[in-house]
Protein backbone atom coordinates (compact mmCIF):
# COMPACT_ATOMS: atom_id res chain seq x y z
CA MET A 1 61.34 202.02 110.02
CA SER A 2 58.18 203.96 110.72
CA ASP A 3 55.23 202.89 112.83
CA ASN A 4 53.07 203.33 109.72
CA THR A 5 55.17 200.87 107.69
CA LEU A 6 55.01 198.27 110.46
CA GLY A 7 51.24 198.66 110.80
CA THR A 8 50.65 198.54 107.04
CA ALA A 9 52.52 195.23 106.74
CA LEU A 10 50.55 193.68 109.60
CA ILE A 11 47.23 194.96 108.21
CA SER A 12 48.05 193.26 104.88
CA LEU A 13 47.96 189.96 106.82
CA SER A 14 44.50 190.80 108.15
CA LYS A 15 43.32 191.53 104.58
CA LEU A 16 44.72 188.19 103.40
CA MET A 17 42.90 186.38 106.19
CA ARG A 18 39.59 187.92 105.18
CA ALA A 19 40.23 187.07 101.53
CA LEU A 20 41.04 183.45 102.37
CA GLY A 21 37.60 183.23 103.97
CA TYR A 22 35.91 184.45 100.78
CA TYR A 23 37.95 183.23 97.81
CA PRO A 24 39.24 179.79 96.81
CA ALA A 25 42.96 179.24 96.16
CA GLY A 26 44.07 180.74 92.85
CA HIS A 27 41.28 183.33 92.69
CA PRO A 28 42.51 186.56 90.99
CA ALA A 29 41.36 188.74 93.90
CA LEU A 30 43.21 186.56 96.42
CA ASP A 31 46.35 186.53 94.27
CA ALA A 32 46.24 190.33 93.93
CA LEU A 33 46.03 190.79 97.71
CA ALA A 34 48.89 188.31 98.22
CA ARG A 35 51.07 190.29 95.78
CA GLU A 36 50.17 193.54 97.55
CA ALA A 37 51.04 191.98 100.94
CA GLU A 38 54.41 190.80 99.62
CA ILE A 39 55.20 194.34 98.41
CA GLN A 40 54.27 195.83 101.80
CA TRP A 41 56.50 193.36 103.64
CA ARG A 42 59.44 193.79 101.25
CA VAL A 43 59.30 197.57 101.86
CA LEU A 44 59.37 196.91 105.59
CA LEU A 45 62.21 194.37 105.36
CA GLN A 46 64.58 196.28 103.06
CA HIS A 47 66.91 196.96 106.02
CA GLY A 48 66.71 193.46 107.52
CA GLU A 49 64.39 191.14 109.42
CA VAL A 50 61.75 192.43 111.82
CA SER A 51 60.63 190.70 114.98
CA PHE A 52 57.26 191.50 116.57
CA SER A 53 56.31 190.70 120.13
CA VAL A 54 52.68 189.62 120.42
CA THR A 55 50.31 190.16 123.32
CA ARG A 56 46.55 189.85 123.60
CA THR A 57 46.13 193.59 122.96
CA GLY A 58 48.67 194.34 120.23
CA PHE A 59 52.10 194.12 118.61
CA SER A 60 55.35 195.79 119.56
CA VAL A 61 58.88 196.03 118.13
CA ASN A 62 61.81 196.52 120.52
CA GLY A 63 59.35 197.41 123.26
CA SER A 64 57.53 200.09 121.23
CA PRO A 65 53.83 199.43 120.49
CA VAL A 66 52.78 199.34 116.84
CA ASP A 67 49.77 201.60 116.17
CA SER A 68 48.16 200.55 119.45
CA ALA A 69 44.89 202.40 118.72
CA ASN A 70 44.25 200.46 115.49
CA THR A 71 41.35 198.07 116.09
CA THR A 72 42.31 195.85 113.11
CA LEU A 73 45.74 195.24 114.66
CA GLN A 74 44.17 194.65 118.07
CA SER A 75 41.91 191.97 116.60
CA LEU A 76 44.81 190.37 114.69
CA ALA A 77 46.98 190.34 117.83
CA GLN A 78 44.21 188.69 119.83
CA SER A 79 43.83 185.94 117.20
CA CYS A 80 47.60 185.34 117.23
CA HIS A 81 47.75 185.31 121.04
CA GLU A 82 44.85 182.83 121.29
CA ARG A 83 46.93 180.50 119.10
CA ARG A 84 49.88 180.90 121.51
CA MET A 85 52.04 183.12 119.27
CA ALA A 86 54.69 184.91 121.36
CA THR A 87 56.90 186.43 118.66
CA LEU A 88 56.64 186.80 114.87
CA THR A 89 59.90 187.22 112.93
CA VAL A 90 59.86 187.88 109.18
CA SER A 91 63.07 187.96 107.15
CA PRO A 92 63.90 189.55 103.76
CA GLY A 93 62.87 187.47 100.75
CA VAL A 94 59.43 186.67 102.16
CA ARG A 95 57.10 185.43 99.43
CA GLU A 96 53.38 185.53 98.71
CA LYS A 97 53.23 181.83 99.57
CA ASP A 98 54.79 182.43 103.00
CA LEU A 99 52.28 185.14 103.84
CA LEU A 100 49.35 183.02 102.66
CA CYS A 101 50.54 180.12 104.84
CA LEU A 102 50.85 182.42 107.87
CA SER A 103 47.36 183.86 107.26
CA ALA A 104 45.88 180.35 106.90
CA ALA A 105 47.53 179.28 110.18
CA ILE A 106 46.08 182.25 112.08
CA LEU A 107 42.64 181.41 110.64
CA MET A 108 42.76 177.85 112.00
CA LYS A 109 40.95 177.04 115.21
CA PRO A 110 43.46 176.92 118.09
CA GLU A 111 42.86 173.21 118.71
CA GLU A 112 43.36 172.38 115.01
CA LEU A 113 46.63 174.34 114.89
CA HIS A 114 47.77 172.57 118.05
CA LEU A 115 47.09 169.17 116.44
CA ARG A 116 49.26 170.23 113.49
CA GLY A 117 52.16 170.96 115.84
CA GLY A 118 51.62 174.71 116.29
CA PHE A 119 52.79 177.55 114.07
CA GLY A 120 56.39 176.35 113.79
CA LYS A 121 55.61 172.83 112.61
CA TYR A 122 52.87 173.99 110.23
CA LEU A 123 55.05 176.65 108.57
CA GLU A 124 57.93 174.18 108.32
CA THR A 125 55.66 171.65 106.62
CA GLU A 126 54.42 174.31 104.18
CA GLU A 127 58.05 175.48 103.57
CA ALA A 128 57.35 179.07 104.65
CA ASP A 129 61.08 179.58 105.18
CA HIS A 130 61.13 183.33 105.78
CA ILE A 131 58.78 183.35 108.78
CA THR A 132 59.75 182.22 112.27
CA ILE A 133 57.31 182.05 115.17
CA SER A 134 57.93 181.24 118.81
CA ASP A 135 55.03 179.91 120.83
CA ILE A 136 53.96 180.88 124.32
CA GLN A 137 55.45 178.27 126.61
CA ILE A 138 53.27 176.98 129.42
CA GLN A 139 55.68 176.04 132.19
CA PRO A 140 54.73 172.91 134.13
CA LEU A 141 54.79 173.18 137.88
CA ASP A 142 58.07 172.08 139.43
CA PRO A 143 57.18 169.08 141.61
CA LYS A 144 59.99 170.06 144.02
CA SER A 145 58.32 173.40 144.66
CA LYS A 146 55.07 171.81 145.68
CA THR A 147 54.47 171.77 149.40
CA PRO A 148 52.21 168.97 150.56
CA SER A 149 48.97 170.27 151.90
CA PRO A 150 48.10 169.16 155.39
CA LYS A 151 45.83 166.17 155.44
CA LYS A 152 42.37 166.79 156.67
CA PRO A 153 41.29 164.57 159.53
CA ALA A 154 39.07 161.76 158.41
CA VAL A 155 35.45 162.36 159.18
CA PRO A 156 33.68 159.15 160.20
CA THR A 157 30.73 158.31 158.01
CA PRO A 158 27.60 158.20 160.12
CA LYS A 159 25.95 154.82 160.09
CA LYS A 160 22.45 154.69 158.78
CA PRO A 161 19.91 153.48 161.29
CA GLY A 162 18.57 150.02 160.79
CA GLY A 163 21.70 148.34 159.44
CA PRO A 164 22.11 146.42 156.14
CA LYS A 165 18.62 144.90 156.20
CA ALA A 166 16.97 148.31 156.39
CA ALA A 167 19.20 149.60 153.57
CA ALA A 168 18.30 146.62 151.41
CA ALA A 169 14.62 147.15 152.11
CA ALA A 170 14.94 150.82 151.15
CA ARG A 171 16.37 150.04 147.73
CA PRO A 172 13.83 150.46 144.91
CA LYS A 173 12.59 147.16 143.54
CA PRO A 174 13.29 146.49 139.86
CA ASP A 175 10.41 147.31 137.55
CA PRO A 176 9.33 144.07 135.80
CA ARG A 177 7.92 146.11 132.89
CA LYS A 178 11.25 147.75 132.24
CA ARG A 179 13.02 144.41 132.50
CA ARG A 180 10.61 142.86 129.99
CA LEU A 181 11.10 145.80 127.61
CA LYS A 182 14.88 145.29 127.69
CA GLU A 183 14.43 141.56 127.07
CA LEU A 184 12.02 142.28 124.25
CA LEU A 185 14.42 144.67 122.53
CA VAL A 186 17.15 142.02 122.68
CA GLU A 187 14.76 139.46 121.19
CA ILE A 188 13.78 141.87 118.41
CA ARG A 189 17.43 142.53 117.58
CA LYS A 190 18.05 138.77 117.16
CA ALA A 191 14.68 137.87 115.64
CA LYS A 192 14.06 136.45 112.21
CA PRO A 193 11.79 138.52 109.94
CA THR A 194 8.96 136.02 110.37
CA GLN A 195 9.04 136.53 114.15
CA LEU A 196 8.90 140.32 114.01
CA PRO A 197 5.12 140.89 113.68
CA GLY A 198 4.41 139.01 116.95
CA LEU A 199 7.22 140.77 118.79
CA MET A 200 6.05 144.14 117.47
CA LYS A 201 2.57 143.43 118.79
CA GLU A 202 3.95 142.75 122.26
CA LEU A 203 6.20 145.82 122.05
CA LYS A 204 3.13 147.98 121.41
CA SER A 205 1.65 146.90 124.74
CA VAL A 206 4.83 146.77 126.83
CA ALA A 207 6.68 149.89 125.70
CA PRO A 208 4.24 152.85 126.15
CA PRO A 209 3.90 152.77 129.97
CA VAL A 210 7.65 152.29 130.40
CA LEU A 211 8.62 155.01 127.93
CA ALA A 212 6.18 157.41 129.57
CA ASP A 213 8.17 157.16 132.82
CA LEU A 214 11.57 157.67 131.18
CA PRO A 215 13.27 160.98 130.33
CA LEU A 216 13.29 161.94 126.67
CA LYS A 217 16.76 160.47 126.02
CA GLY A 218 15.70 157.10 127.39
CA SER A 219 12.40 157.01 125.54
CA LEU A 220 14.19 157.60 122.24
CA ALA A 221 16.38 154.53 122.69
CA VAL A 222 13.94 152.14 121.02
CA PHE A 223 13.58 154.08 117.75
CA PRO A 224 17.06 153.52 116.24
CA LEU A 225 16.46 149.78 116.57
CA LEU A 226 13.16 149.99 114.72
CA SER A 227 14.65 152.19 112.02
CA GLN A 228 17.31 149.54 111.33
CA PHE A 229 14.59 147.15 110.21
CA LEU A 230 12.84 149.78 108.10
CA ARG A 231 16.08 150.34 106.15
CA HIS A 232 16.52 146.61 105.46
CA PRO A 233 16.21 146.15 101.65
CA ARG A 234 14.73 142.62 101.81
CA LEU A 235 12.17 143.18 104.52
CA ALA A 236 8.79 141.67 103.61
CA PRO A 237 5.99 144.24 103.14
CA GLU A 238 3.89 142.88 106.02
CA VAL A 239 6.88 142.96 108.38
CA ARG A 240 7.79 146.49 107.27
CA GLN A 241 4.19 147.53 107.94
CA ALA A 242 4.31 146.01 111.45
CA VAL A 243 7.54 147.84 112.29
CA ASP A 244 6.25 151.11 110.85
CA GLN A 245 2.98 150.87 112.77
CA THR A 246 4.89 150.17 115.99
CA SER A 247 7.10 153.23 115.50
CA THR A 248 4.03 155.39 114.93
CA HIS A 249 2.26 153.89 117.93
CA LEU A 250 5.19 154.56 120.28
CA ALA A 251 5.71 158.17 119.13
CA SER A 252 3.25 159.70 121.60
CA PRO A 253 2.11 163.33 121.28
CA GLU A 254 4.15 164.18 124.39
CA LEU A 255 7.28 162.73 122.81
CA LEU A 256 6.75 164.56 119.53
CA ILE A 257 6.18 167.87 121.37
CA ALA A 258 9.41 167.33 123.31
CA LEU A 259 11.28 166.67 120.07
CA LEU A 260 9.91 169.85 118.48
CA ASP A 261 10.84 171.91 121.53
């Protein structure tokens, strides 16, 4: 078999992969490329099965590289290697369906293919009987070969001057405003619709100074709660207005600028 025949068959896979990205199943253009790929592989396999070794940089057969300067084959080999393909064996009788399944598997993200059991399991499920793939095996470390690393001597933790009382005094005191805001949000979550306008009024006064001191992620925490009420289908108009006004009031210019950035 010639290097050209080997390369042509592999390139037909690359063409199928591109077509699968453009055309839906059953499209005439996709079917035509699948038929062409089958012909190329049948020409290659007329004397028996062919087994390719796969590395990150290319394909080889019996130790001889296949058209190593071809950038299309280099790209295809890299995609196969990233999905842990070690060898690709194709046997006579390969069908369009087999080649389409192989192309679809190479197009999958590595993590998706792994969840499907790798190449072997996926091709078995799709009944691509004339293609066999062995995966790169990641050997676990032999626990017997591990030598225990010498333990580092324990370094005593220096004691802070002043003892426990000084440490307690150094702790930041809880912010009563933040505590009240948390309590208020809990009350709003459990409140009846008739109680919401009064709670919204208090939220308008309590929330702004606390939210101003929080990072953006923290200051956004209150808005999903308010939006829950706005989506409620039976919310009275005056209550909806109170919630809407509160949301607008709390969305400071600084917060909106941060969101836009």
